[in-house]
Amino acid sequence: PPTVAGGGYLMWHQGQKLTLNSQKYSSSAPPEQFLLTYTAGIATMISTYFAITSIPLFPTSSTTPNHLAKQQQLPQQFIPPQTLSEFYHRAGKPTLVRLGAVSIGCFFAGVVQTYLAVRYSGGGGNAK
C-alpha cells in the first residue's frame, strides 16, 4: 500500500539524515549513489526484515512453532472474527510486527546506503 511505501521512504530518509549529520557531510545535496550503495541498502532492508520477523518474541502466522499443527486443526469452513478484539488477535499482531520490521529495515537501509555513498563517492560533498 502507498502508506507503507511512504512510511518506508520517511524512515529511510531519517536514516540518511542521521548518517549525514554523524559524518558531518558538508554539501547540501546528498551524496551520489551507485550500484554498491543500492545493493547494500536493499540487502540491509531485507536481512533486517527477516531477522526481526524470525524472532520468537514477535510471532507472525508463519513463525509460530505449531503452525502446521494449527492448520490441521482448523475447521474446513472459514469463520470470520466476531469482534474487533478477535480480529486484532488474528491479524493485528502479525501485521504490526511486519510493518515495524519494514520500518526498521528501511531506516537501517538508509543508514548503510548513505554511509557507503559518503565513504566511497568521489563527488563534491566530501565529509569534513
C-alpha atoms as a PDB file:
ATOM      1  CA  PRO A   1       0.000   0.000   0.000  1.00  0.00           C
ATOM      2  CA  PRO A   2       1.081   3.599  -0.549  1.00  0.00           C
ATOM      3  CA  THR A   3       1.168   4.325   3.179  1.00  0.00           C
ATOM      4  CA  VAL A   4       3.721   1.569   3.751  1.00  0.00           C
ATOM      5  CA  ALA A   5       5.844   2.840   0.849  1.00  0.00           C
ATOM      6  CA  GLY A   6       5.594   6.418   2.117  1.00  0.00           C
ATOM      7  CA  GLY A   7       6.440   5.371   5.664  1.00  0.00           C
ATOM      8  CA  GLY A   8       9.360   3.304   4.388  1.00  0.00           C
ATOM      9  CA  TYR A   9      10.706   6.292   2.485  1.00  0.00           C
ATOM     10  CA  LEU A  10      10.378   8.530   5.552  1.00  0.00           C
ATOM     11  CA  MET A  11      12.238   6.008   7.690  1.00  0.00           C
ATOM     12  CA  TRP A  12      14.939   5.626   5.010  1.00  0.00           C
ATOM     13  CA  HIS A  13      15.260   9.423   4.864  1.00  0.00           C
ATOM     14  CA  GLN A  14      15.652   9.600   8.660  1.00  0.00           C
ATOM     15  CA  GLY A  15      18.466   7.058   8.428  1.00  0.00           C
ATOM     16  CA  GLN A  16      20.073   9.131   5.686  1.00  0.00           C
ATOM     17  CA  LYS A  17      19.818  12.320   7.759  1.00  0.00           C
ATOM     18  CA  LEU A  18      21.303  10.611  10.813  1.00  0.00           C
ATOM     19  CA  THR A  19      24.254   9.361   8.789  1.00  0.00           C
ATOM     20  CA  LEU A  20      24.869  12.688   7.055  1.00  0.00           C
ATOM     21  CA  ASN A  21      24.809  14.515  10.395  1.00  0.00           C
ATOM     22  CA  SER A  22      27.097  11.987  12.096  1.00  0.00           C
ATOM     23  CA  GLN A  23      29.551  12.104   9.172  1.00  0.00           C
ATOM     24  CA  LYS A  24      29.460  15.947   9.152  1.00  0.00           C
ATOM     25  CA  TYR A  25      28.719  15.899   5.428  1.00  0.00           C
ATOM     26  CA  SER A  26      29.455  19.400   4.087  1.00  0.00           C
ATOM     27  CA  SER A  27      27.345  19.532   0.928  1.00  0.00           C
ATOM     28  CA  SER A  28      23.652  20.415   0.928  1.00  0.00           C
ATOM     29  CA  ALA A  29      22.990  17.742  -1.720  1.00  0.00           C
ATOM     30  CA  PRO A  30      23.031  14.089  -0.678  1.00  0.00           C
ATOM     31  CA  PRO A  31      25.997  12.021  -1.856  1.00  0.00           C
ATOM     32  CA  GLU A  32      25.928  10.287  -5.209  1.00  0.00           C
ATOM     33  CA  GLN A  33      24.509   6.761  -5.104  1.00  0.00           C
ATOM     34  CA  PHE A  34      25.827   3.872  -7.193  1.00  0.00           C
ATOM     35  CA  LEU A  35      25.327   0.124  -7.577  1.00  0.00           C
ATOM     36  CA  LEU A  36      27.176  -0.813  -4.366  1.00  0.00           C
ATOM     37  CA  THR A  37      25.102   1.562  -2.231  1.00  0.00           C
ATOM     38  CA  TYR A  38      21.787   0.436  -3.739  1.00  0.00           C
ATOM     39  CA  THR A  39      22.719  -3.226  -3.308  1.00  0.00           C
ATOM     40  CA  ALA A  40      23.846  -2.695   0.288  1.00  0.00           C
ATOM     41  CA  GLY A  41      20.652  -0.774   1.102  1.00  0.00           C
ATOM     42  CA  ILE A  42      18.369  -3.444  -0.333  1.00  0.00           C
ATOM     43  CA  ALA A  43      20.325  -6.252   1.341  1.00  0.00           C
ATOM     44  CA  THR A  44      20.198  -4.422   4.678  1.00  0.00           C
ATOM     45  CA  MET A  45      16.462  -3.850   4.428  1.00  0.00           C
ATOM     46  CA  ILE A  46      15.691  -7.464   3.514  1.00  0.00           C
ATOM     47  CA  SER A  47      18.002  -9.003   6.107  1.00  0.00           C
ATOM     48  CA  THR A  48      16.699  -6.714   8.861  1.00  0.00           C
ATOM     49  CA  TYR A  49      13.104  -7.594   7.974  1.00  0.00           C
ATOM     50  CA  PHE A  50      13.771 -11.334   8.090  1.00  0.00           C
ATOM     51  CA  ALA A  51      15.846 -11.044  11.269  1.00  0.00           C
ATOM     52  CA  ILE A  52      13.037  -9.249  13.098  1.00  0.00           C
ATOM     53  CA  THR A  53      10.195 -11.413  11.836  1.00  0.00           C
ATOM     54  CA  SER A  54      12.062 -14.610  12.759  1.00  0.00           C
ATOM     55  CA  ILE A  55      12.471 -13.625  16.441  1.00  0.00           C
ATOM     56  CA  PRO A  56      10.185 -15.874  18.501  1.00  0.00           C
ATOM     57  CA  LEU A  57       9.204 -12.933  20.745  1.00  0.00           C
ATOM     58  CA  PHE A  58       7.350 -11.405  17.800  1.00  0.00           C
ATOM     59  CA  PRO A  59       5.229 -14.238  16.410  1.00  0.00           C
ATOM     60  CA  THR A  60       3.713 -13.900  12.992  1.00  0.00           C
ATOM     61  CA  SER A  61       1.464 -16.518  11.498  1.00  0.00           C
ATOM     62  CA  SER A  62       4.364 -18.106   9.614  1.00  0.00           C
ATOM     63  CA  THR A  63       6.777 -18.184  12.584  1.00  0.00           C
ATOM     64  CA  THR A  64       4.617 -19.762  15.274  1.00  0.00           C
ATOM     65  CA  PRO A  65       6.054 -23.099  16.400  1.00  0.00           C
ATOM     66  CA  ASN A  66       2.884 -25.146  15.892  1.00  0.00           C
ATOM     67  CA  HIS A  67       1.840 -23.535  12.630  1.00  0.00           C
ATOM     68  CA  LEU A  68       1.343 -26.822  10.776  1.00  0.00           C
ATOM     69  CA  ALA A  69      -0.457 -28.444  13.696  1.00  0.00           C
ATOM     70  CA  LYS A  70      -2.811 -25.471  13.938  1.00  0.00           C
ATOM     71  CA  GLN A  71      -3.542 -25.677  10.207  1.00  0.00           C
ATOM     72  CA  GLN A  72      -4.627 -29.280  10.560  1.00  0.00           C
ATOM     73  CA  GLN A  73      -6.942 -28.443  13.493  1.00  0.00           C
ATOM     74  CA  LEU A  74      -8.767 -25.634  11.696  1.00  0.00           C
ATOM     75  CA  PRO A  75     -12.304 -26.316  10.524  1.00  0.00           C
ATOM     76  CA  GLN A  76     -12.845 -26.558   6.792  1.00  0.00           C
ATOM     77  CA  GLN A  77     -15.096 -23.505   6.673  1.00  0.00           C
ATOM     78  CA  PHE A  78     -13.690 -20.059   7.494  1.00  0.00           C
ATOM     79  CA  ILE A  79     -15.352 -18.362  10.451  1.00  0.00           C
ATOM     80  CA  PRO A  80     -14.819 -14.598  10.349  1.00  0.00           C
ATOM     81  CA  PRO A  81     -13.893 -12.766  13.535  1.00  0.00           C
ATOM     82  CA  GLN A  82     -16.942 -11.737  15.537  1.00  0.00           C
ATOM     83  CA  THR A  83     -15.404  -8.792  17.412  1.00  0.00           C
ATOM     84  CA  LEU A  84     -12.716  -6.204  16.784  1.00  0.00           C
ATOM     85  CA  SER A  85     -10.661  -7.737  19.579  1.00  0.00           C
ATOM     86  CA  GLU A  86     -10.773 -11.140  17.889  1.00  0.00           C
ATOM     87  CA  PHE A  87      -9.756  -9.544  14.586  1.00  0.00           C
ATOM     88  CA  TYR A  88      -6.806  -7.820  16.277  1.00  0.00           C
ATOM     89  CA  HIS A  89      -5.596 -11.087  17.817  1.00  0.00           C
ATOM     90  CA  ARG A  90      -5.827 -12.867  14.468  1.00  0.00           C
ATOM     91  CA  ALA A  91      -4.369 -10.206  12.183  1.00  0.00           C
ATOM     92  CA  GLY A  92      -3.219  -7.209  14.218  1.00  0.00           C
ATOM     93  CA  LYS A  93      -0.111  -8.505  15.934  1.00  0.00           C
ATOM     94  CA  PRO A  94       1.463 -10.152  12.862  1.00  0.00           C
ATOM     95  CA  THR A  95       0.671  -7.087  10.765  1.00  0.00           C
ATOM     96  CA  LEU A  96       2.184  -4.694  13.306  1.00  0.00           C
ATOM     97  CA  VAL A  97       5.317  -6.837  13.598  1.00  0.00           C
ATOM     98  CA  ARG A  98       5.748  -6.874   9.820  1.00  0.00           C
ATOM     99  CA  LEU A  99       5.149  -3.124   9.493  1.00  0.00           C
ATOM    100  CA  GLY A 100       7.632  -2.474  12.281  1.00  0.00           C
ATOM    101  CA  ALA A 101      10.173  -4.748  10.624  1.00  0.00           C
ATOM    102  CA  VAL A 102       9.755  -2.928   7.304  1.00  0.00           C
ATOM    103  CA  SER A 103      10.163   0.451   9.030  1.00  0.00           C
ATOM    104  CA  ILE A 104      13.281  -0.569  10.936  1.00  0.00           C
ATOM    105  CA  GLY A 105      14.699  -2.223   7.816  1.00  0.00           C
ATOM    106  CA  CYS A 106      14.176   0.955   5.779  1.00  0.00           C
ATOM    107  CA  PHE A 107      15.835   3.058   8.494  1.00  0.00           C
ATOM    108  CA  PHE A 108      18.926   0.838   8.587  1.00  0.00           C
ATOM    109  CA  ALA A 109      18.981   0.701   4.786  1.00  0.00           C
ATOM    110  CA  GLY A 110      19.128   4.497   4.734  1.00  0.00           C
ATOM    111  CA  VAL A 111      21.968   4.476   7.268  1.00  0.00           C
ATOM    112  CA  VAL A 112      24.067   1.857   5.447  1.00  0.00           C
ATOM    113  CA  GLN A 113      23.367   3.155   1.947  1.00  0.00           C
ATOM    114  CA  THR A 114      24.234   6.747   2.858  1.00  0.00           C
ATOM    115  CA  TYR A 115      27.320   5.748   4.839  1.00  0.00           C
ATOM    116  CA  LEU A 116      28.707   3.868   1.856  1.00  0.00           C
ATOM    117  CA  ALA A 117      27.814   6.701  -0.519  1.00  0.00           C
ATOM    118  CA  VAL A 118      29.627   9.246   1.670  1.00  0.00           C
ATOM    119  CA  ARG A 119      32.604   6.982   2.121  1.00  0.00           C
ATOM    120  CA  TYR A 120      33.079   5.953  -1.499  1.00  0.00           C
ATOM    121  CA  SER A 121      31.698   8.847  -3.527  1.00  0.00           C
ATOM    122  CA  GLY A 122      34.291  10.889  -5.300  1.00  0.00           C
ATOM    123  CA  GLY A 123      31.878  13.794  -5.682  1.00  0.00           C
ATOM    124  CA  GLY A 124      31.837  17.308  -4.353  1.00  0.00           C
ATOM    125  CA  GLY A 125      30.406  16.934  -0.865  1.00  0.00           C
ATOM    126  CA  ASN A 126      33.174  15.088   0.906  1.00  0.00           C
ATOM    127  CA  ALA A 127      32.984  14.683   4.661  1.00  0.00           C
ATOM    128  CA  LYS A 128      34.883  17.248   6.674  1.00  0.00           C
END
